[in-house]
Amino acid sequence: MTIEQLAASDEQRVRIFKALADPTRLQIIRTLKGSRTELNCGEIGERCEASKSNASYHFRTLREAGLILVRKEAQTKYIQLHYETFDTYLPGFLDSL
């Protein structure tokens, strides 16, 4: 790996750990893991007792860290875990939740 690749990988790790350093975002990850499928934003917000704007902020942070994938269908956004990121940077993490 080149120094540039290592630096990019370290930056990704920092984004991931910052995203996971919040109890609401951990609850979102736990909720998605428990569902084993994608959920719409409203369902996740309801289960995590987060307002729409608060949940939106957390979804953006998780997406920017590469921890979730967002799919939009009409007006509804569906969210699922991005397992590849967890497997690459945090192997075994989801099993600990």
C-alpha atoms as a PDB file:
ATOM      1  CA  MET A   1       0.000   0.000   0.000  1.00  0.00           C
ATOM      2  CA  THR A   2       1.243   3.474  -0.824  1.00  0.00           C
ATOM      3  CA  ILE A   3       1.436   6.305   1.682  1.00  0.00           C
ATOM      4  CA  GLU A   4      -1.511   7.970  -0.069  1.00  0.00           C
ATOM      5  CA  GLN A   5      -3.592   4.808   0.221  1.00  0.00           C
ATOM      6  CA  LEU A   6      -2.706   4.448   3.889  1.00  0.00           C
ATOM      7  CA  ALA A   7      -3.648   8.083   4.528  1.00  0.00           C
ATOM      8  CA  ALA A   8      -6.997   7.629   2.749  1.00  0.00           C
ATOM      9  CA  SER A   9      -7.644   4.468   4.738  1.00  0.00           C
ATOM     10  CA  ASP A  10      -6.823   6.271   7.995  1.00  0.00           C
ATOM     11  CA  GLU A  11      -9.175   9.126   7.068  1.00  0.00           C
ATOM     12  CA  GLN A  12     -11.938   6.571   6.485  1.00  0.00           C
ATOM     13  CA  ARG A  13     -11.291   5.022   9.890  1.00  0.00           C
ATOM     14  CA  VAL A  14     -11.536   8.445  11.549  1.00  0.00           C
ATOM     15  CA  ARG A  15     -14.908   9.091   9.844  1.00  0.00           C
ATOM     16  CA  ILE A  16     -16.157   5.677  10.937  1.00  0.00           C
ATOM     17  CA  PHE A  17     -15.137   6.070  14.575  1.00  0.00           C
ATOM     18  CA  LYS A  18     -16.546   9.595  14.768  1.00  0.00           C
ATOM     19  CA  ALA A  19     -19.832   8.318  13.337  1.00  0.00           C
ATOM     20  CA  LEU A  20     -19.983   5.478  15.856  1.00  0.00           C
ATOM     21  CA  ALA A  21     -19.186   7.758  18.815  1.00  0.00           C
ATOM     22  CA  ASP A  22     -22.849   8.688  19.264  1.00  0.00           C
ATOM     23  CA  PRO A  23     -25.483   6.594  21.075  1.00  0.00           C
ATOM     24  CA  THR A  24     -28.251   7.454  18.571  1.00  0.00           C
ATOM     25  CA  ARG A  25     -26.135   6.384  15.608  1.00  0.00           C
ATOM     26  CA  LEU A  26     -25.222   3.156  17.396  1.00  0.00           C
ATOM     27  CA  GLN A  27     -28.942   2.565  17.966  1.00  0.00           C
ATOM     28  CA  ILE A  28     -29.590   3.125  14.248  1.00  0.00           C
ATOM     29  CA  ILE A  29     -26.892   0.566  13.371  1.00  0.00           C
ATOM     30  CA  ARG A  30     -28.347  -1.869  15.928  1.00  0.00           C
ATOM     31  CA  THR A  31     -31.860  -1.352  14.517  1.00  0.00           C
ATOM     32  CA  LEU A  32     -30.707  -1.998  10.953  1.00  0.00           C
ATOM     33  CA  LYS A  33     -28.748  -5.076  12.020  1.00  0.00           C
ATOM     34  CA  GLY A  34     -31.807  -6.432  13.825  1.00  0.00           C
ATOM     35  CA  SER A  35     -34.079  -5.903  10.838  1.00  0.00           C
ATOM     36  CA  ARG A  36     -31.762  -7.800   8.452  1.00  0.00           C
ATOM     37  CA  THR A  37     -33.265  -5.773   5.609  1.00  0.00           C
ATOM     38  CA  GLU A  38     -33.587  -2.179   4.539  1.00  0.00           C
ATOM     39  CA  LEU A  39     -35.937   0.108   6.430  1.00  0.00           C
ATOM     40  CA  ASN A  40     -37.331   3.465   5.458  1.00  0.00           C
ATOM     41  CA  CYS A  41     -36.173   6.566   7.343  1.00  0.00           C
ATOM     42  CA  GLY A  42     -39.484   6.940   9.168  1.00  0.00           C
ATOM     43  CA  GLU A  43     -39.386   3.382  10.508  1.00  0.00           C
ATOM     44  CA  ILE A  44     -35.852   3.846  11.819  1.00  0.00           C
ATOM     45  CA  GLY A  45     -36.648   7.230  13.358  1.00  0.00           C
ATOM     46  CA  GLU A  46     -39.687   5.753  15.069  1.00  0.00           C
ATOM     47  CA  ARG A  47     -37.789   2.775  16.472  1.00  0.00           C
ATOM     48  CA  CYS A  48     -34.944   4.994  17.682  1.00  0.00           C
ATOM     49  CA  GLU A  49     -37.279   7.709  18.976  1.00  0.00           C
ATOM     50  CA  ALA A  50     -35.547  10.375  16.866  1.00  0.00           C
ATOM     51  CA  SER A  51     -37.252  13.353  15.252  1.00  0.00           C
ATOM     52  CA  LYS A  52     -37.166  13.565  11.469  1.00  0.00           C
ATOM     53  CA  SER A  53     -34.517  16.314  11.416  1.00  0.00           C
ATOM     54  CA  ASN A  54     -32.409  14.627  14.089  1.00  0.00           C
ATOM     55  CA  ALA A  55     -32.585  11.272  12.311  1.00  0.00           C
ATOM     56  CA  SER A  56     -31.697  12.930   8.996  1.00  0.00           C
ATOM     57  CA  TYR A  57     -28.547  14.395  10.537  1.00  0.00           C
ATOM     58  CA  HIS A  58     -27.517  10.975  11.877  1.00  0.00           C
ATOM     59  CA  PHE A  59     -28.247   9.245   8.552  1.00  0.00           C
ATOM     60  CA  ARG A  60     -26.039  11.751   6.727  1.00  0.00           C
ATOM     61  CA  THR A  61     -23.178  11.176   9.177  1.00  0.00           C
ATOM     62  CA  LEU A  62     -23.465   7.397   8.829  1.00  0.00           C
ATOM     63  CA  ARG A  63     -23.684   7.618   5.029  1.00  0.00           C
ATOM     64  CA  GLU A  64     -20.630   9.880   4.808  1.00  0.00           C
ATOM     65  CA  ALA A  65     -18.707   7.355   6.920  1.00  0.00           C
ATOM     66  CA  GLY A  66     -19.745   4.603   4.493  1.00  0.00           C
ATOM     67  CA  LEU A  67     -21.645   2.653   7.147  1.00  0.00           C
ATOM     68  CA  ILE A  68     -25.052   2.756   5.464  1.00  0.00           C
ATOM     69  CA  LEU A  69     -26.414   2.754   1.936  1.00  0.00           C
ATOM     70  CA  VAL A  70     -29.379   4.928   1.015  1.00  0.00           C
ATOM     71  CA  ARG A  71     -31.791   4.134  -1.800  1.00  0.00           C
ATOM     72  CA  LYS A  72     -34.484   6.576  -2.831  1.00  0.00           C
ATOM     73  CA  GLU A  73     -37.764   5.383  -4.308  1.00  0.00           C
ATOM     74  CA  ALA A  74     -40.179   8.220  -5.147  1.00  0.00           C
ATOM     75  CA  GLN A  75     -40.315  10.299  -1.937  1.00  0.00           C
ATOM     76  CA  THR A  76     -39.166   7.511   0.370  1.00  0.00           C
ATOM     77  CA  LYS A  77     -35.567   6.813   1.342  1.00  0.00           C
ATOM     78  CA  TYR A  78     -34.594   3.288   2.312  1.00  0.00           C
ATOM     79  CA  ILE A  79     -31.538   2.554   4.400  1.00  0.00           C
ATOM     80  CA  GLN A  80     -29.482  -0.571   4.865  1.00  0.00           C
ATOM     81  CA  LEU A  81     -26.128  -1.399   6.402  1.00  0.00           C
ATOM     82  CA  HIS A  82     -23.100  -1.285   4.140  1.00  0.00           C
ATOM     83  CA  TYR A  83     -21.670  -4.618   5.220  1.00  0.00           C
ATOM     84  CA  GLU A  84     -18.544  -4.269   3.084  1.00  0.00           C
ATOM     85  CA  THR A  85     -17.378  -1.306   5.185  1.00  0.00           C
ATOM     86  CA  PHE A  86     -17.960  -3.212   8.416  1.00  0.00           C
ATOM     87  CA  ASP A  87     -16.152  -6.283   7.045  1.00  0.00           C
ATOM     88  CA  THR A  88     -13.181  -4.194   5.876  1.00  0.00           C
ATOM     89  CA  TYR A  89     -12.712  -1.802   8.777  1.00  0.00           C
ATOM     90  CA  LEU A  90     -14.598  -3.370  11.716  1.00  0.00           C
ATOM     91  CA  PRO A  91     -14.693  -7.143  11.336  1.00  0.00           C
ATOM     92  CA  GLY A  92     -16.817  -8.666  14.081  1.00  0.00           C
ATOM     93  CA  PHE A  93     -18.223  -5.299  15.222  1.00  0.00           C
ATOM     94  CA  LEU A  94     -21.820  -6.038  14.228  1.00  0.00           C
ATOM     95  CA  ASP A  95     -21.705  -9.299  16.179  1.00  0.00           C
ATOM     96  CA  SER A  96     -20.898  -7.299  19.309  1.00  0.00           C
ATOM     97  CA  LEU A  97     -24.135  -5.282  19.146  1.00  0.00           C
END
